[in-house]
Amino acid sequence: MPKLDDLDLKNPCKIINIGQLDDVSAEDFLLSNGGVQNLRNYEQIASYNWLGTPIEPQLVIPGAPKTLSDWRALRGRRLQRDSTGLIVDENHLMNGQFPMEALFRCVKLQMKDEADVYVSENPLTENFRFQNFDVVTDRNNLRKLFDFVKQNFSKLNKMTDGNPEPNGTKISLPFRNVVSVSFRSVPPKWQQQRSRSIRINVQVLGNLVCLIRCEEADIESGRNSITYGKDFEIQVTKSVNDFSSGSFRQIVAYSLGGLNFLVRFEVDAADYAESRPVAVRKVDKKGTSDDDEEQQALDVLLGKMSLKTEKPMKIPSSRLSVLRSGEKYDYHLVEVTSRRSNADFPKHVWPQMYFSGTESLIIGWQFYGKIGKIERLSIKIDAMQVRTSQKDVEEEYGGYPIKHMAQFHSLLTQIVEFARQKCIHPKKLLAVVWKREFESNLHIYEVENPEGFAVPESLGDYIAEN
């Protein structure tokens, strides 16, 4: 097993400087996105819950997110401080050899040719094809690339191609061994302070560009900050059945500026009273409280959410097994976070909600773990701003200008086009790297002796042809 710091990269074959992105106009982006800022053709495609262990990983398909508890009653409650050992990337933890396999399997098993065997309810339409998409990624990668744009948008250097490393030297970055099924719970001492470097691996399957998440470790250790977010999330949410105790992943499809995305992300909770299909929306609301409405919605959904298979079904040529659940639903997604009471509003939440189509935010303001105010806010997707009747609060919370989104779209387009030109063979990997000491530059490297591909070879061949 190679060491974490032995993953060498070849000399950069492309450098993207923020200056080139600064020339992109908001008008051009709007024109490419049908004149609007919001995500277009948004659809919740598939979902799953993780069960089992990294030795015997299991997927429950479709999955079920946690529901909301009586969060209004939490004011004044004392939270437990976050401990070390928080999971950073569960998809890699559970299936480190092929970290995007669960995403593709989940979607593939709901395509019409396999749905009768694995997931018979609400299969995807016959015209659904992986090759109709430009990018498949975890939301985390989009957030990182958006951070690069918004933190550097004012820099006016020009984009260049070339090799900034003197004498053709190679670089080594402190990222985990992405091919190992095992995981490291305690990084070496030099990793105790989190690296400020960002890396995203890139693989091309047919026309589809896969952005593969890279982290230092699957389990975070050496935390220095005093945070209470995990316990707040536990207090605000509750499981709706046995398998929803495992973390829930939603997979959505949408288009943005002419690029078609397939995006996976973790969901904190769902508002079942606001979830679809029609059977839920037809619940009689007359004379019912919000809690009654939520419970009625749960009663409808839970009747169709029980497991349909008692034993996991093994997926051929895979380490993964599948447990069948019931119908697929469109959920009203909820983000849950906490913040120190004297801190600024967490504006970083908005890109996270935007890139996933998450509609609501529950934020708890705490002081050394004691909860003060708790509020629920809705995101105005097309402006990345809070929807609120208080104008002064809206101005305080703000959003991000469309200029950022235009630059982000330009950056993604350049990465996609370059990857398609460079990665003609599916066994080739690129690495997109942002080293914070070179803040205005994003480097694209060729990966030497590539390993840690998105999916097994046989599944990759299927994706490239369908």
Protein backbone atom coordinates (compact mmCIF):
# COMPACT_ATOMS: atom_id res chain seq x y z
CA MET A 1 0.00 0.00 0.00
CA PRO A 2 1.60 3.33 -1.02
CA LYS A 3 1.93 5.99 1.65
CA LEU A 4 -0.45 8.91 1.71
CA ASP A 5 2.29 11.32 0.68
CA ASP A 6 3.63 9.19 -2.20
CA LEU A 7 0.94 10.00 -4.77
CA ASP A 8 3.12 11.80 -7.32
CA LEU A 9 1.69 13.91 -10.10
CA LYS A 10 3.31 14.73 -13.41
CA ASN A 11 4.08 18.30 -14.40
CA PRO A 12 0.93 20.36 -14.87
CA CYS A 13 -0.41 20.23 -18.41
CA LYS A 14 -2.76 23.18 -17.91
CA ILE A 15 -3.01 26.16 -15.59
CA ILE A 16 -6.26 28.10 -15.24
CA ASN A 17 -5.81 31.59 -13.84
CA ILE A 18 -8.67 33.50 -12.30
CA GLY A 19 -7.97 36.43 -14.62
CA GLN A 20 -9.40 34.65 -17.65
CA LEU A 21 -12.56 33.84 -15.73
CA ASP A 22 -12.94 37.48 -14.76
CA ASP A 23 -13.53 38.32 -18.41
CA VAL A 24 -16.70 36.21 -18.49
CA SER A 25 -19.84 38.31 -18.53
CA ALA A 26 -22.98 37.58 -16.56
CA GLU A 27 -24.98 38.26 -19.72
CA ASP A 28 -23.24 35.43 -21.59
CA PHE A 29 -23.96 33.03 -18.75
CA LEU A 30 -27.63 34.02 -18.61
CA LEU A 31 -27.90 33.55 -22.36
CA SER A 32 -26.45 30.03 -22.08
CA ASN A 33 -28.81 29.23 -19.19
CA GLY A 34 -32.05 30.29 -20.84
CA GLY A 35 -32.06 33.76 -19.30
CA VAL A 36 -32.34 32.54 -15.69
CA GLN A 37 -29.95 32.00 -12.77
CA ASN A 38 -31.55 28.89 -11.32
CA LEU A 39 -30.88 25.22 -12.01
CA ARG A 40 -32.87 24.03 -15.01
CA ASN A 41 -34.58 20.66 -15.57
CA TYR A 42 -33.98 19.74 -11.93
CA GLU A 43 -35.00 16.18 -11.07
CA GLN A 44 -34.34 13.83 -8.18
CA ILE A 45 -33.12 10.75 -10.04
CA ALA A 46 -32.23 8.18 -7.40
CA SER A 47 -31.26 7.74 -3.75
CA TYR A 48 -29.76 5.25 -1.34
CA ASN A 49 -28.87 4.67 2.30
CA TRP A 50 -25.60 3.12 3.39
CA LEU A 51 -25.87 0.02 5.58
CA GLY A 52 -23.39 -2.65 6.56
CA THR A 53 -19.67 -2.07 7.00
CA PRO A 54 -16.69 -1.27 4.75
CA ILE A 55 -16.07 -5.03 4.67
CA GLU A 56 -19.63 -5.83 3.51
CA PRO A 57 -21.15 -2.58 2.18
CA GLN A 58 -24.88 -2.56 1.46
CA LEU A 59 -27.14 -0.10 -0.35
CA VAL A 60 -30.84 0.40 0.38
CA ILE A 61 -32.45 1.58 -2.88
CA PRO A 62 -34.42 3.84 -2.94
CA GLY A 63 -33.23 5.42 0.28
CA ALA A 64 -35.13 7.35 2.94
CA PRO A 65 -33.83 10.52 4.63
CA LYS A 66 -34.38 11.34 8.26
CA THR A 67 -37.39 13.48 9.14
CA LEU A 68 -37.52 16.58 11.32
CA SER A 69 -38.09 16.33 15.05
CA ASP A 70 -39.81 19.03 17.10
CA TRP A 71 -36.86 21.35 16.57
CA ARG A 72 -38.70 24.39 17.96
CA ALA A 73 -38.57 22.81 21.42
CA LEU A 74 -34.77 22.62 21.45
CA ARG A 75 -34.19 26.19 22.55
CA GLY A 76 -32.19 26.27 25.77
CA ARG A 77 -30.96 22.70 25.41
CA ARG A 78 -27.27 21.93 25.95
CA LEU A 79 -25.43 20.26 23.05
CA GLN A 80 -22.49 17.89 23.20
CA ARG A 81 -19.27 19.10 21.65
CA ASP A 82 -18.21 17.45 18.39
CA SER A 83 -15.65 14.73 18.96
CA THR A 84 -12.84 13.52 16.79
CA GLY A 85 -13.61 10.67 14.46
CA LEU A 86 -16.27 12.39 12.35
CA ILE A 87 -16.71 10.77 8.94
CA VAL A 88 -15.51 13.02 6.12
CA ASP A 89 -16.29 10.91 3.04
CA GLU A 90 -18.48 7.89 3.71
CA ASN A 91 -18.68 6.88 0.06
CA HIS A 92 -14.93 6.31 0.03
CA LEU A 93 -14.98 4.80 3.51
CA MET A 94 -17.52 2.16 2.44
CA ASN A 95 -16.08 1.45 -1.02
CA GLY A 96 -12.64 3.00 -1.26
CA GLN A 97 -11.53 1.16 -4.37
CA PHE A 98 -14.33 2.66 -6.49
CA PRO A 99 -15.78 5.66 -4.63
CA MET A 100 -18.37 6.55 -7.30
CA GLU A 101 -19.64 3.02 -7.87
CA ALA A 102 -22.58 3.41 -5.47
CA LEU A 103 -23.80 6.46 -7.41
CA PHE A 104 -23.75 4.71 -10.78
CA ARG A 105 -25.10 1.41 -9.43
CA CYS A 106 -27.97 3.22 -7.75
CA VAL A 107 -28.95 4.93 -10.98
CA LYS A 108 -28.31 1.89 -13.19
CA LEU A 109 -30.43 -0.39 -11.02
CA GLN A 110 -33.38 1.96 -11.53
CA MET A 111 -33.02 2.06 -15.30
CA LYS A 112 -35.78 0.21 -17.06
CA ASP A 113 -33.77 -2.82 -18.19
CA GLU A 114 -32.82 -3.76 -14.60
CA ALA A 115 -35.58 -2.23 -12.50
CA ASP A 116 -37.74 -5.37 -12.48
CA VAL A 117 -34.95 -7.32 -10.81
CA TYR A 118 -33.75 -4.78 -8.27
CA VAL A 119 -36.01 -1.74 -7.93
CA SER A 120 -39.36 -2.28 -9.58
CA GLU A 121 -41.11 0.91 -8.45
CA ASN A 122 -40.92 4.05 -10.63
CA PRO A 123 -38.06 3.09 -12.97
CA LEU A 124 -36.31 5.78 -14.96
CA THR A 125 -37.61 6.48 -18.44
CA GLU A 126 -36.28 4.57 -21.43
CA ASN A 127 -34.54 7.65 -22.83
CA PHE A 128 -32.37 8.11 -19.72
CA ARG A 129 -28.70 7.72 -20.72
CA PHE A 130 -25.48 8.45 -18.84
CA GLN A 131 -23.99 9.89 -22.02
CA ASN A 132 -26.61 12.65 -22.02
CA PHE A 133 -24.69 14.22 -19.12
CA ASP A 134 -21.51 16.26 -19.20
CA VAL A 135 -20.45 16.02 -15.55
CA VAL A 136 -21.06 13.53 -12.75
CA THR A 137 -19.77 14.60 -9.36
CA ASP A 138 -20.26 14.89 -5.65
CA ARG A 139 -21.60 18.26 -4.55
CA ASN A 140 -18.46 18.68 -2.45
CA ASN A 141 -16.37 19.09 -5.62
CA LEU A 142 -18.65 21.83 -6.94
CA ARG A 143 -18.38 23.69 -3.64
CA LYS A 144 -14.57 23.53 -3.76
CA LEU A 145 -14.42 24.85 -7.32
CA PHE A 146 -16.91 27.57 -6.45
CA ASP A 147 -14.70 28.52 -3.49
CA PHE A 148 -11.79 28.95 -5.89
CA VAL A 149 -13.87 31.36 -7.95
CA LYS A 150 -15.42 33.45 -5.19
CA GLN A 151 -12.19 33.80 -3.20
CA ASN A 152 -10.19 34.91 -6.22
CA PHE A 153 -12.68 36.61 -8.53
CA SER A 154 -11.04 40.02 -8.29
CA LYS A 155 -7.61 38.89 -9.44
CA LEU A 156 -6.79 40.01 -12.96
CA ASN A 157 -3.89 37.79 -14.04
CA LYS A 158 -4.03 36.09 -17.42
CA MET A 159 -4.51 32.38 -18.01
CA THR A 160 -1.41 30.53 -19.24
CA ASP A 161 -0.51 27.02 -20.33
CA GLY A 162 2.83 25.69 -19.20
CA ASN A 163 4.90 24.24 -16.40
CA PRO A 164 5.44 26.39 -13.29
CA GLU A 165 7.48 23.73 -11.53
CA PRO A 166 11.21 24.40 -12.02
CA ASN A 167 13.44 21.80 -13.68
CA GLY A 168 10.55 19.49 -14.43
CA THR A 169 10.17 18.44 -10.80
CA LYS A 170 7.20 16.44 -9.57
CA ILE A 171 5.01 17.38 -6.64
CA SER A 172 3.54 15.27 -3.86
CA LEU A 173 0.30 16.15 -2.11
CA PRO A 174 -0.91 14.81 1.25
CA PHE A 175 -4.01 12.95 0.08
CA ARG A 176 -5.17 9.53 1.13
CA ASN A 177 -4.50 6.36 -0.77
CA VAL A 178 -7.61 6.29 -2.95
CA VAL A 179 -7.24 2.66 -4.02
CA SER A 180 -7.31 1.09 -0.57
CA VAL A 181 -10.43 -0.57 0.79
CA SER A 182 -9.12 0.04 4.30
CA PHE A 183 -9.11 3.50 5.83
CA ARG A 184 -7.00 5.59 8.16
CA SER A 185 -8.75 6.92 11.21
CA VAL A 186 -5.72 8.86 12.48
CA PRO A 187 -3.56 10.62 9.87
CA PRO A 188 0.16 11.03 10.57
CA LYS A 189 1.27 14.00 12.67
CA TRP A 190 2.10 16.15 9.67
CA GLN A 191 -1.55 15.86 8.67
CA GLN A 192 -3.02 16.86 12.01
CA GLN A 193 -3.42 20.41 10.74
CA ARG A 194 -5.73 20.09 7.75
CA SER A 195 -4.02 20.74 4.45
CA ARG A 196 -5.14 23.81 2.58
CA SER A 197 -4.68 22.06 -0.76
CA ILE A 198 -7.66 20.88 -2.76
CA ARG A 199 -7.60 18.01 -5.23
CA ILE A 200 -10.23 16.51 -7.52
CA ASN A 201 -9.43 13.54 -9.77
CA VAL A 202 -10.93 13.44 -13.26
CA GLN A 203 -11.84 10.38 -15.35
CA VAL A 204 -13.69 10.40 -18.67
CA LEU A 205 -16.13 7.60 -19.57
CA GLY A 206 -17.28 8.10 -23.14
CA ASN A 207 -18.40 11.72 -23.14
CA LEU A 208 -19.08 11.83 -19.40
CA VAL A 209 -16.54 13.64 -17.20
CA CYS A 210 -16.35 12.13 -13.69
CA LEU A 211 -15.08 14.39 -10.91
CA ILE A 212 -13.77 12.11 -8.15
CA ARG A 213 -13.60 13.50 -4.63
CA CYS A 214 -10.22 13.37 -2.84
CA GLU A 215 -9.70 13.95 0.88
CA GLU A 216 -6.82 13.54 3.31
CA ALA A 217 -8.64 10.87 5.31
CA ASP A 218 -12.04 9.22 5.50
CA ILE A 219 -12.34 10.00 9.20
CA GLU A 220 -11.38 13.42 10.50
CA SER A 221 -9.09 13.78 13.47
CA GLY A 222 -7.14 16.54 15.12
CA ARG A 223 -10.04 19.01 15.21
CA ASN A 224 -9.13 22.27 16.93
CA SER A 225 -12.38 24.19 16.67
CA ILE A 226 -15.14 24.08 19.28
CA THR A 227 -18.20 23.00 17.31
CA TYR A 228 -21.52 21.37 18.16
CA GLY A 229 -22.95 20.73 14.70
CA LYS A 230 -23.18 16.95 14.84
CA ASP A 231 -25.21 16.80 18.04
CA PHE A 232 -27.44 19.62 16.80
CA GLU A 233 -28.19 17.60 13.68
CA ILE A 234 -28.96 14.54 15.82
CA GLN A 235 -31.37 16.56 17.98
CA VAL A 236 -33.15 18.14 14.99
CA THR A 237 -33.67 14.91 13.03
CA LYS A 238 -34.99 11.41 13.64
CA SER A 239 -35.06 8.18 11.66
CA VAL A 240 -38.30 7.14 9.99
CA ASN A 241 -37.45 3.42 9.91
CA ASP A 242 -34.57 1.04 10.59
CA PHE A 243 -32.66 1.58 7.38
CA SER A 244 -32.92 5.38 7.45
CA SER A 245 -30.53 5.32 10.40
CA GLY A 246 -27.82 4.93 7.77
CA SER A 247 -26.76 8.11 6.00
CA PHE A 248 -28.88 9.12 3.02
CA ARG A 249 -27.54 10.10 -0.41
CA GLN A 250 -29.63 11.88 -3.03
CA ILE A 251 -28.70 11.90 -6.72
CA VAL A 252 -30.13 14.69 -8.84
CA ALA A 253 -29.93 15.79 -12.46
CA TYR A 254 -30.02 19.35 -13.73
CA SER A 255 -28.54 21.67 -16.32
CA LEU A 256 -26.64 24.88 -15.67
CA GLY A 257 -25.35 27.13 -18.43
CA GLY A 258 -25.55 24.44 -21.09
CA LEU A 259 -23.81 21.75 -19.01
CA ASN A 260 -25.81 18.74 -17.83
CA PHE A 261 -24.98 17.53 -14.32
CA LEU A 262 -25.54 14.35 -12.32
CA VAL A 263 -24.81 15.25 -8.69
CA ARG A 264 -24.65 13.18 -5.50
CA PHE A 265 -24.83 14.64 -1.99
CA GLU A 266 -25.69 13.78 1.60
CA VAL A 267 -29.03 15.00 2.94
CA ASP A 268 -29.48 15.99 6.58
CA ALA A 269 -33.27 15.65 6.60
CA ALA A 270 -36.46 15.99 4.59
CA ASP A 271 -39.72 17.74 5.33
CA TYR A 272 -42.08 14.84 4.68
CA ALA A 273 -45.14 17.08 4.82
CA GLU A 274 -43.80 18.97 1.80
CA SER A 275 -42.53 15.94 -0.11
CA ARG A 276 -44.18 14.48 -3.17
CA PRO A 277 -45.87 12.56 -4.92
CA VAL A 278 -49.50 13.57 -5.10
CA ALA A 279 -50.58 11.12 -2.40
CA VAL A 280 -48.77 13.22 0.16
CA ARG A 281 -49.96 16.56 -1.18
CA LYS A 282 -53.59 15.43 -0.96
CA VAL A 283 -53.47 14.96 2.82
CA ASP A 284 -56.38 16.92 4.29
CA LYS A 285 -54.83 19.85 6.14
CA LYS A 286 -58.05 21.25 7.56
CA GLY A 287 -57.91 21.44 11.33
CA THR A 288 -54.44 19.93 11.57
CA SER A 289 -51.32 21.39 13.14
CA ASP A 290 -47.91 21.31 11.49
CA ASP A 291 -46.99 18.28 13.60
CA ASP A 292 -50.21 16.48 12.60
CA GLU A 293 -49.53 17.23 8.95
CA GLU A 294 -46.01 15.87 9.25
CA GLN A 295 -47.26 12.69 10.93
CA GLN A 296 -49.98 12.15 8.31
CA ALA A 297 -47.39 12.52 5.57
CA LEU A 298 -45.15 10.02 7.32
CA ASP A 299 -48.00 7.54 7.65
CA VAL A 300 -48.57 7.69 3.90
CA LEU A 301 -44.90 7.35 3.04
CA LEU A 302 -43.93 4.69 5.56
CA GLY A 303 -46.51 2.32 4.18
CA LYS A 304 -44.52 2.27 0.94
CA MET A 305 -41.01 2.46 2.41
CA SER A 306 -40.61 -0.93 4.03
CA LEU A 307 -37.90 -3.25 2.75
CA LYS A 308 -39.05 -5.53 -0.07
CA THR A 309 -36.17 -8.00 0.32
CA GLU A 310 -35.18 -9.74 3.55
CA LYS A 311 -31.64 -10.55 2.42
CA PRO A 312 -29.21 -8.38 0.46
CA MET A 313 -28.92 -9.19 -3.23
CA LYS A 314 -25.34 -9.35 -4.46
CA ILE A 315 -24.51 -7.17 -7.47
CA PRO A 316 -22.50 -9.19 -10.02
CA SER A 317 -18.84 -8.13 -10.33
CA SER A 318 -19.10 -5.84 -7.32
CA ARG A 319 -18.45 -5.73 -3.59
CA LEU A 320 -21.82 -4.04 -3.10
CA SER A 321 -25.12 -5.67 -2.15
CA VAL A 322 -28.61 -4.20 -2.52
CA LEU A 323 -31.67 -4.19 -0.29
CA ARG A 324 -34.83 -3.17 -2.12
CA SER A 325 -37.05 -0.54 -0.60
CA GLY A 326 -40.39 0.80 -1.82
CA GLU A 327 -41.41 3.70 -4.03
CA LYS A 328 -39.22 6.59 -5.05
CA TYR A 329 -40.23 10.05 -3.83
CA ASP A 330 -39.29 13.63 -4.48
CA TYR A 331 -38.25 15.03 -1.12
CA HIS A 332 -38.33 18.56 0.22
CA LEU A 333 -34.68 18.66 1.28
CA VAL A 334 -33.52 20.36 4.48
CA GLU A 335 -30.00 21.46 5.44
CA VAL A 336 -29.22 21.53 9.18
CA THR A 337 -26.36 23.53 10.68
CA SER A 338 -25.36 25.32 13.87
CA ARG A 339 -23.44 28.52 14.43
CA ARG A 340 -21.93 30.34 17.38
CA SER A 341 -24.36 33.04 18.48
CA ASN A 342 -21.87 35.89 18.00
CA ALA A 343 -20.66 34.66 14.60
CA ASP A 344 -21.63 35.92 11.17
CA PHE A 345 -24.30 34.19 9.14
CA PRO A 346 -22.75 31.13 7.39
CA LYS A 347 -22.90 32.31 3.80
CA HIS A 348 -21.02 29.22 2.67
CA VAL A 349 -24.26 27.29 3.18
CA TRP A 350 -25.89 28.88 0.13
CA PRO A 351 -23.68 27.29 -2.56
CA GLN A 352 -24.13 23.95 -0.81
CA MET A 353 -27.91 24.34 -0.96
CA TYR A 354 -27.87 25.77 -4.48
CA PHE A 355 -25.85 22.95 -6.07
CA SER A 356 -28.18 20.34 -4.57
CA GLY A 357 -31.54 22.06 -4.92
CA THR A 358 -32.01 22.01 -1.13
CA GLU A 359 -34.95 24.22 -0.28
CA SER A 360 -34.82 24.82 3.48
CA LEU A 361 -32.22 25.59 6.13
CA ILE A 362 -32.58 25.06 9.87
CA ILE A 363 -29.89 26.93 11.76
CA GLY A 364 -29.32 26.83 15.50
CA TRP A 365 -27.46 29.66 17.18
CA GLN A 366 -25.54 28.39 20.21
CA PHE A 367 -23.12 29.73 22.79
CA TYR A 368 -20.71 27.09 24.08
CA GLY A 369 -23.28 24.44 23.28
CA LYS A 370 -26.38 26.10 24.73
CA ILE A 371 -28.96 26.64 22.01
CA GLY A 372 -30.44 30.10 21.76
CA LYS A 373 -32.43 31.04 18.69
CA ILE A 374 -33.42 28.43 16.10
CA GLU A 375 -34.79 29.51 12.74
CA ARG A 376 -35.90 27.93 9.51
CA LEU A 377 -35.14 29.76 6.27
CA SER A 378 -35.85 29.09 2.61
CA ILE A 379 -33.35 29.66 -0.14
CA LYS A 380 -34.32 31.66 -3.17
CA ILE A 381 -32.60 29.39 -5.64
CA ASP A 382 -32.49 31.76 -8.59
CA ALA A 383 -30.63 34.46 -6.63
CA MET A 384 -28.85 32.36 -3.97
CA GLN A 385 -30.40 34.59 -1.34
CA VAL A 386 -32.60 34.20 1.70
CA ARG A 387 -36.34 34.51 1.20
CA THR A 388 -37.58 36.62 4.10
CA SER A 389 -40.02 39.43 4.73
CA GLN A 390 -37.41 41.41 6.67
CA LYS A 391 -35.53 43.48 4.13
CA ASP A 392 -32.72 44.39 6.49
CA VAL A 393 -32.15 40.73 7.33
CA GLU A 394 -32.19 39.83 3.65
CA GLU A 395 -29.51 42.42 2.97
CA GLU A 396 -27.46 41.12 5.88
CA TYR A 397 -27.64 37.50 4.75
CA GLY A 398 -27.22 38.38 1.09
CA GLY A 399 -26.23 35.91 -1.54
CA TYR A 400 -23.66 35.66 -4.30
CA PRO A 401 -23.68 37.80 -7.44
CA ILE A 402 -24.38 36.13 -10.73
CA LYS A 403 -20.85 37.08 -11.78
CA HIS A 404 -19.56 34.31 -9.52
CA MET A 405 -21.82 31.77 -11.20
CA ALA A 406 -20.71 32.91 -14.66
CA GLN A 407 -17.06 32.45 -13.65
CA PHE A 408 -17.82 29.08 -12.08
CA HIS A 409 -19.54 27.92 -15.26
CA SER A 410 -16.57 29.07 -17.35
CA LEU A 411 -14.20 27.15 -15.07
CA LEU A 412 -16.25 23.94 -15.30
CA THR A 413 -16.50 24.27 -19.07
CA GLN A 414 -12.71 24.56 -19.40
CA ILE A 415 -12.15 21.53 -17.18
CA VAL A 416 -14.69 19.44 -19.12
CA GLU A 417 -13.34 20.38 -22.54
CA PHE A 418 -9.73 19.82 -21.53
CA ALA A 419 -10.48 16.46 -19.90
CA ARG A 420 -12.27 15.21 -23.01
CA GLN A 421 -9.28 16.14 -25.15
CA LYS A 422 -6.69 14.68 -22.79
CA CYS A 423 -8.39 11.56 -21.42
CA ILE A 424 -9.08 9.64 -24.60
CA HIS A 425 -8.46 6.35 -22.78
CA PRO A 426 -10.66 5.53 -19.73
CA LYS A 427 -7.59 4.29 -17.82
CA LYS A 428 -6.16 7.80 -17.75
CA LEU A 429 -6.67 10.18 -14.82
CA LEU A 430 -6.17 13.90 -14.41
CA ALA A 431 -6.00 15.78 -11.12
CA VAL A 432 -7.38 19.28 -10.62
CA VAL A 433 -5.37 20.92 -7.85
CA TRP A 434 -5.74 24.23 -6.06
CA LYS A 435 -2.80 24.90 -3.78
CA ARG A 436 -3.74 27.85 -1.63
CA GLU A 437 -0.26 29.31 -1.73
CA PHE A 438 -0.93 29.89 -5.45
CA GLU A 439 -4.42 31.23 -4.84
CA SER A 440 -5.12 32.62 -8.29
CA ASN A 441 -4.09 29.46 -10.17
CA LEU A 442 -5.82 26.12 -10.52
CA HIS A 443 -3.49 23.42 -11.91
CA ILE A 444 -4.47 20.33 -13.91
CA TYR A 445 -1.98 17.46 -13.72
CA GLU A 446 -1.66 14.07 -15.34
CA VAL A 447 -1.72 11.31 -12.74
CA GLU A 448 1.26 8.97 -12.94
CA ASN A 449 0.47 5.27 -12.49
CA PRO A 450 -3.24 6.05 -12.10
CA GLU A 451 -5.36 4.16 -9.61
CA GLY A 452 -8.52 4.91 -7.70
CA PHE A 453 -10.88 5.05 -10.67
CA ALA A 454 -14.51 6.06 -10.32
CA VAL A 455 -15.99 2.62 -11.04
CA PRO A 456 -14.95 -0.95 -11.94
CA GLU A 457 -13.85 -1.42 -15.55
CA SER A 458 -16.92 -3.42 -16.61
CA LEU A 459 -19.28 -0.78 -15.22
CA GLY A 460 -17.19 1.95 -16.84
CA ASP A 461 -17.58 0.25 -20.22
CA TYR A 462 -21.35 0.15 -19.74
CA ILE A 463 -21.47 3.85 -18.80
CA ALA A 464 -19.36 4.80 -21.83
CA GLU A 465 -21.82 3.04 -24.15
CA ASN A 466 -25.14 4.06 -22.56
